[in-house]
């Protein structure tokens, strides 16, 4: 791998255009939602009763609510038991263009942390908030996260050509040898990252510029 490889980050113009303070508040809001909703869903998840919710969450206009909830809960549980692959807060990049496009398509809810919070909220909303009563402060956090997730999507890909391999770690935060660098395709980045929204590329424009013949079929 070149010392300064071409790396991609799938994101949203809306996230890029936020101030550092606004992003910090959004992360705080998402974490508050996740912590509260986990207390509600955890007994179903750990007790093997999650499928009791499936009939209530199988609706015609959004048939994936239950599947999305299960995925979010599995990831949150993995994070809570210490699986480093699911650490949040660090900055991630990939050297695969199709993965960047995929990540960008999931950026509508404020990245991975927002997506987890919103998937849980989609489910609790269909369950009519049964036995779950958010505080006034949490209700404000929910309002901000949901407003972000349900606003018009503006996915983007940011291309980096100035990140040294010395600043790349594996997805679970481990140092990489030169050989490992050649085979990994997703990385954590150490050091400060500054992105200019004006240099981000709309995801459709970026995808149209890629050689899709090299993409796995599932990414088309």
Protein backbone atom coordinates (compact mmCIF):
# COMPACT_ATOMS: atom_id res chain seq x y z
CA UNK A 1 0.00 0.00 0.00
CA UNK A 2 1.21 3.49 -0.85
CA UNK A 3 2.21 5.65 2.12
CA UNK A 4 -0.67 7.99 1.18
CA UNK A 5 -3.38 5.71 -0.25
CA UNK A 6 -6.68 6.91 -1.63
CA UNK A 7 -9.21 6.52 1.14
CA UNK A 8 -12.94 7.23 1.30
CA UNK A 9 -15.41 8.24 3.97
CA UNK A 10 -19.15 7.87 3.38
CA UNK A 11 -21.09 10.64 5.11
CA UNK A 12 -23.76 13.30 4.70
CA UNK A 13 -23.47 16.91 3.66
CA UNK A 14 -25.74 17.72 6.58
CA UNK A 15 -23.23 16.27 9.04
CA UNK A 16 -20.31 18.00 7.34
CA UNK A 17 -22.09 21.35 7.53
CA UNK A 18 -22.70 21.13 11.28
CA UNK A 19 -20.44 22.89 13.74
CA UNK A 20 -18.30 20.83 16.11
CA UNK A 21 -20.67 21.83 18.91
CA UNK A 22 -23.72 20.69 16.94
CA UNK A 23 -22.11 17.33 16.18
CA UNK A 24 -21.20 16.88 19.85
CA UNK A 25 -24.80 17.63 20.86
CA UNK A 26 -26.14 15.18 18.29
CA UNK A 27 -23.84 12.42 19.59
CA UNK A 28 -25.06 13.19 23.12
CA UNK A 29 -28.67 13.01 21.94
CA UNK A 30 -28.10 9.69 20.17
CA UNK A 31 -26.38 8.16 23.19
CA UNK A 32 -29.22 9.28 25.46
CA UNK A 33 -31.74 7.63 23.15
CA UNK A 34 -29.73 4.42 22.89
CA UNK A 35 -29.24 4.13 26.65
CA UNK A 36 -32.91 4.69 27.39
CA UNK A 37 -34.26 2.45 24.64
CA UNK A 38 -31.76 -0.29 25.45
CA UNK A 39 -33.28 -0.51 28.93
CA UNK A 40 -36.62 -1.15 27.25
CA UNK A 41 -35.45 -3.62 24.60
CA UNK A 42 -32.67 -5.42 26.49
CA UNK A 43 -35.02 -7.80 28.37
CA UNK A 44 -36.51 -8.88 25.03
CA UNK A 45 -33.06 -9.27 23.47
CA UNK A 46 -31.32 -11.13 26.29
CA UNK A 47 -34.38 -13.14 27.28
CA UNK A 48 -34.91 -14.60 23.82
CA UNK A 49 -38.26 -12.85 23.50
CA UNK A 50 -37.41 -10.45 20.69
CA UNK A 51 -39.57 -12.40 18.23
CA UNK A 52 -42.57 -11.65 20.44
CA UNK A 53 -42.34 -8.14 18.97
CA UNK A 54 -42.23 -9.22 15.34
CA UNK A 55 -46.02 -9.31 14.73
CA UNK A 56 -46.37 -5.76 16.05
CA UNK A 57 -43.47 -4.55 13.92
CA UNK A 58 -44.42 -6.19 10.64
CA UNK A 59 -46.19 -3.41 8.78
CA UNK A 60 -46.86 -2.99 5.09
CA UNK A 61 -45.36 0.46 4.60
CA UNK A 62 -42.04 -0.45 6.27
CA UNK A 63 -41.52 -4.24 6.40
CA UNK A 64 -37.92 -3.93 7.61
CA UNK A 65 -38.59 -2.27 10.97
CA UNK A 66 -38.20 -5.54 12.89
CA UNK A 67 -35.08 -6.61 10.96
CA UNK A 68 -33.51 -3.18 11.43
CA UNK A 69 -34.29 -3.28 15.15
CA UNK A 70 -32.67 -6.71 15.56
CA UNK A 71 -29.55 -5.52 13.76
CA UNK A 72 -29.31 -2.41 15.95
CA UNK A 73 -29.79 -4.42 19.15
CA UNK A 74 -27.18 -7.01 18.15
CA UNK A 75 -24.62 -4.28 17.49
CA UNK A 76 -25.41 -2.40 20.70
CA UNK A 77 -25.13 -5.61 22.70
CA UNK A 78 -21.77 -6.40 21.06
CA UNK A 79 -20.53 -2.92 21.94
CA UNK A 80 -21.69 -3.22 25.55
CA UNK A 81 -19.86 -6.53 26.07
CA UNK A 82 -16.63 -4.99 24.79
CA UNK A 83 -16.42 -5.93 21.12
CA UNK A 84 -13.99 -3.31 19.80
CA UNK A 85 -15.31 -3.62 16.25
CA UNK A 86 -18.30 -1.58 17.33
CA UNK A 87 -16.61 1.26 19.20
CA UNK A 88 -18.15 4.60 18.36
CA UNK A 89 -16.52 8.01 18.32
CA UNK A 90 -13.46 7.24 16.19
CA UNK A 91 -13.14 8.21 12.54
CA UNK A 92 -13.27 5.44 9.94
CA UNK A 93 -12.25 5.24 6.28
CA UNK A 94 -12.16 2.57 3.62
CA UNK A 95 -10.06 2.01 0.51
CA UNK A 96 -13.04 0.47 -1.31
CA UNK A 97 -15.22 2.92 -3.22
CA UNK A 98 -18.35 0.73 -3.10
CA UNK A 99 -18.16 0.50 0.69
CA UNK A 100 -17.96 4.28 0.92
CA UNK A 101 -21.12 4.51 -1.18
CA UNK A 102 -22.82 2.00 1.13
CA UNK A 103 -21.79 3.92 4.24
CA UNK A 104 -22.99 7.18 2.70
CA UNK A 105 -26.39 5.64 1.98
CA UNK A 106 -26.72 4.90 5.72
CA UNK A 107 -25.64 8.37 6.82
CA UNK A 108 -29.12 9.87 6.81
CA UNK A 109 -29.55 9.42 10.57
CA UNK A 110 -26.16 10.91 11.61
CA UNK A 111 -23.82 8.02 10.95
CA UNK A 112 -23.76 4.67 12.72
CA UNK A 113 -24.63 6.03 16.15
CA UNK A 114 -27.63 7.90 14.80
CA UNK A 115 -28.75 4.91 12.77
CA UNK A 116 -28.84 2.70 15.86
CA UNK A 117 -30.83 5.28 17.82
CA UNK A 118 -33.27 5.86 14.97
CA UNK A 119 -33.85 2.15 14.24
CA UNK A 120 -34.76 1.62 17.88
CA UNK A 121 -37.03 4.64 17.84
CA UNK A 122 -38.80 3.46 14.68
CA UNK A 123 -39.69 0.28 16.56
CA UNK A 124 -40.78 1.92 19.79
CA UNK A 125 -42.94 4.33 17.80
CA UNK A 126 -44.83 1.38 16.29
CA UNK A 127 -45.16 -0.18 19.74
CA UNK A 128 -46.96 2.99 20.85
CA UNK A 129 -44.38 3.69 23.58
CA UNK A 130 -45.73 0.83 25.68
CA UNK A 131 -44.14 0.96 29.17
CA UNK A 132 -41.61 3.54 28.04
CA UNK A 133 -41.88 7.16 29.17
CA UNK A 134 -39.06 9.49 28.10
CA UNK A 135 -38.24 12.49 30.26
CA UNK A 136 -38.71 16.01 28.92
CA UNK A 137 -34.96 16.28 28.29
CA UNK A 138 -34.88 12.97 26.45
CA UNK A 139 -37.94 13.98 24.44
CA UNK A 140 -35.97 16.98 23.16
CA UNK A 141 -33.06 14.71 22.20
CA UNK A 142 -35.46 12.43 20.37
CA UNK A 143 -36.98 15.37 18.52
CA UNK A 144 -33.56 16.50 17.27
CA UNK A 145 -32.42 13.03 16.18
CA UNK A 146 -35.69 12.17 14.46
CA UNK A 147 -35.79 15.54 12.69
CA UNK A 148 -32.28 14.90 11.36
CA UNK A 149 -33.08 11.33 10.28
CA UNK A 150 -36.31 12.24 8.52
CA UNK A 151 -35.03 15.34 6.70
CA UNK A 152 -34.16 15.07 2.98
CA UNK A 153 -31.10 12.86 2.52
CA UNK A 154 -27.88 14.40 1.20
CA UNK A 155 -25.34 11.54 1.15
CA UNK A 156 -21.77 12.28 0.16
CA UNK A 157 -18.35 10.68 -0.16
CA UNK A 158 -15.19 12.41 0.97
CA UNK A 159 -11.94 11.37 -0.71
CA UNK A 160 -8.66 11.53 1.19
CA UNK A 161 -5.22 11.43 -0.40
CA UNK A 162 -3.29 12.93 2.51
CA UNK A 163 -3.72 10.39 5.32
CA UNK A 164 -0.49 8.53 6.02
CA UNK A 165 -0.57 4.79 6.63
CA UNK A 166 1.16 5.63 9.91
CA UNK A 167 -2.17 7.05 11.06
CA UNK A 168 -4.21 3.96 10.18
CA UNK A 169 -5.32 1.30 12.66
CA UNK A 170 -7.47 -1.78 12.12
CA UNK A 171 -11.23 -1.48 12.63
CA UNK A 172 -10.83 -2.74 16.19
CA UNK A 173 -8.09 -0.22 16.96
CA UNK A 174 -4.98 -2.39 16.61
CA UNK A 175 -1.72 -1.39 14.93
CA UNK A 176 -1.19 -2.87 11.49
CA UNK A 177 1.93 -4.35 9.94
CA UNK A 178 2.87 -3.50 6.36
CA UNK A 179 1.47 -6.85 5.25
CA UNK A 180 -1.78 -6.34 7.13
CA UNK A 181 -2.19 -2.91 5.55
CA UNK A 182 -2.33 -4.59 2.16
CA UNK A 183 -5.25 -6.80 3.10
CA UNK A 184 -7.38 -4.60 5.35
CA UNK A 185 -10.01 -2.47 3.64
CA UNK A 186 -11.51 -0.47 6.55
CA UNK A 187 -9.47 1.54 9.04
CA UNK A 188 -9.63 3.76 12.08
CA UNK A 189 -7.75 7.02 11.69
CA UNK A 190 -5.65 8.60 14.43
CA UNK A 191 -5.03 12.31 14.64
CA UNK A 192 -7.23 15.27 13.76
CA UNK A 193 -9.44 15.06 10.68
CA UNK A 194 -10.80 18.23 9.09
CA UNK A 195 -13.21 17.97 6.18
CA UNK A 196 -14.29 20.85 3.98
CA UNK A 197 -17.94 20.32 2.91
CA UNK A 198 -17.13 22.01 -0.39
CA UNK A 199 -14.74 19.17 -1.26
CA UNK A 200 -17.23 16.35 -0.60
CA UNK A 201 -18.80 14.64 -3.60
CA UNK A 202 -22.53 13.88 -3.88
CA UNK A 203 -22.88 10.12 -3.61
CA UNK A 204 -24.54 9.64 -7.00
CA UNK A 205 -21.86 11.67 -8.75
CA UNK A 206 -19.16 9.68 -6.95
CA UNK A 207 -20.79 6.31 -7.72
CA UNK A 208 -21.21 7.24 -11.38
CA UNK A 209 -17.47 7.91 -11.57
CA UNK A 210 -16.58 4.45 -10.22
CA UNK A 211 -15.93 1.31 -12.23
CA UNK A 212 -18.91 -0.71 -11.06
CA UNK A 213 -17.66 -3.78 -12.91
CA UNK A 214 -15.35 -4.23 -9.92
CA UNK A 215 -18.18 -3.99 -7.38
CA UNK A 216 -19.67 -7.08 -5.71
CA UNK A 217 -23.24 -7.63 -6.98
CA UNK A 218 -24.77 -6.82 -3.58
CA UNK A 219 -23.50 -3.23 -3.82
CA UNK A 220 -25.13 -2.42 -7.15
